[in-house]
Amino acid sequence: MAIAGSFRELRTYQKAREGAKSVYQLTKTFPKEERYSMTDQIRRSSRAVKALLAEAWARRRYKGSFVHKIDESLGEAMETQAWHDDALDCEYINEEQHRALDVLYQQVGGMLSNMISKADDFCKNAPDHSYIAEDSDPYGLSAEDL
C-alpha cells in the first residue's frame, strides 16, 4: 500500500498530469485555425481531469461530493479521448500518438472508476485530512486490461 497525504501524491493525479502535459505538447502543432476550437477544448478537458481530482480530494469529508467530483473527472477523461479521435481524424496526430494517448486515458479512466468503487477507503479519514493508503496496483487496472 502506498500512502498519499495530498492529491499530488495520488498516482491517478500524476498520470492525469502526465496526460495534460502530453496533450499540451501535441496541440502546439495543431493548425492556428483550431486555436479556439479543438486546441482549447482538448487542453481544457485534459486539465479538468486532474483539477476535478484535486477538488474531489478536498471534498473527501462527504462521500457523495467526492464521488460526484471523481465522476466529473471521469467524464472529462472520456471527453479528452473523443477529442483525440477528432485530432486523429483530422490528421493532426498520427496513429502511434493516438494509441499512446488512448492507453494513458484508458488507465486514468480505470483508476478513476476504481476510486469511485473504493470511495469509502478515500473518505474514511477525511475529517482530520490524514493520510490514506492507495493500493499498490493502480486501482486494479494493468496494462493487460487495456
Foldseek 3Di string as FASTA:
>chain_A
DAKDLALVPAPLLVLLVVLLVLLLVLLVQPDPVCVPPLSVLLNVLSVLLNVLQRVLLLVLQDLVSNLVSLVVSLVSLVVNLVSLVVCCVVVSDDPVSNVVSVLSSVLSNLLSVLCNVVSCQSNVPPVVSGMGDDDPPSSPDDSVND
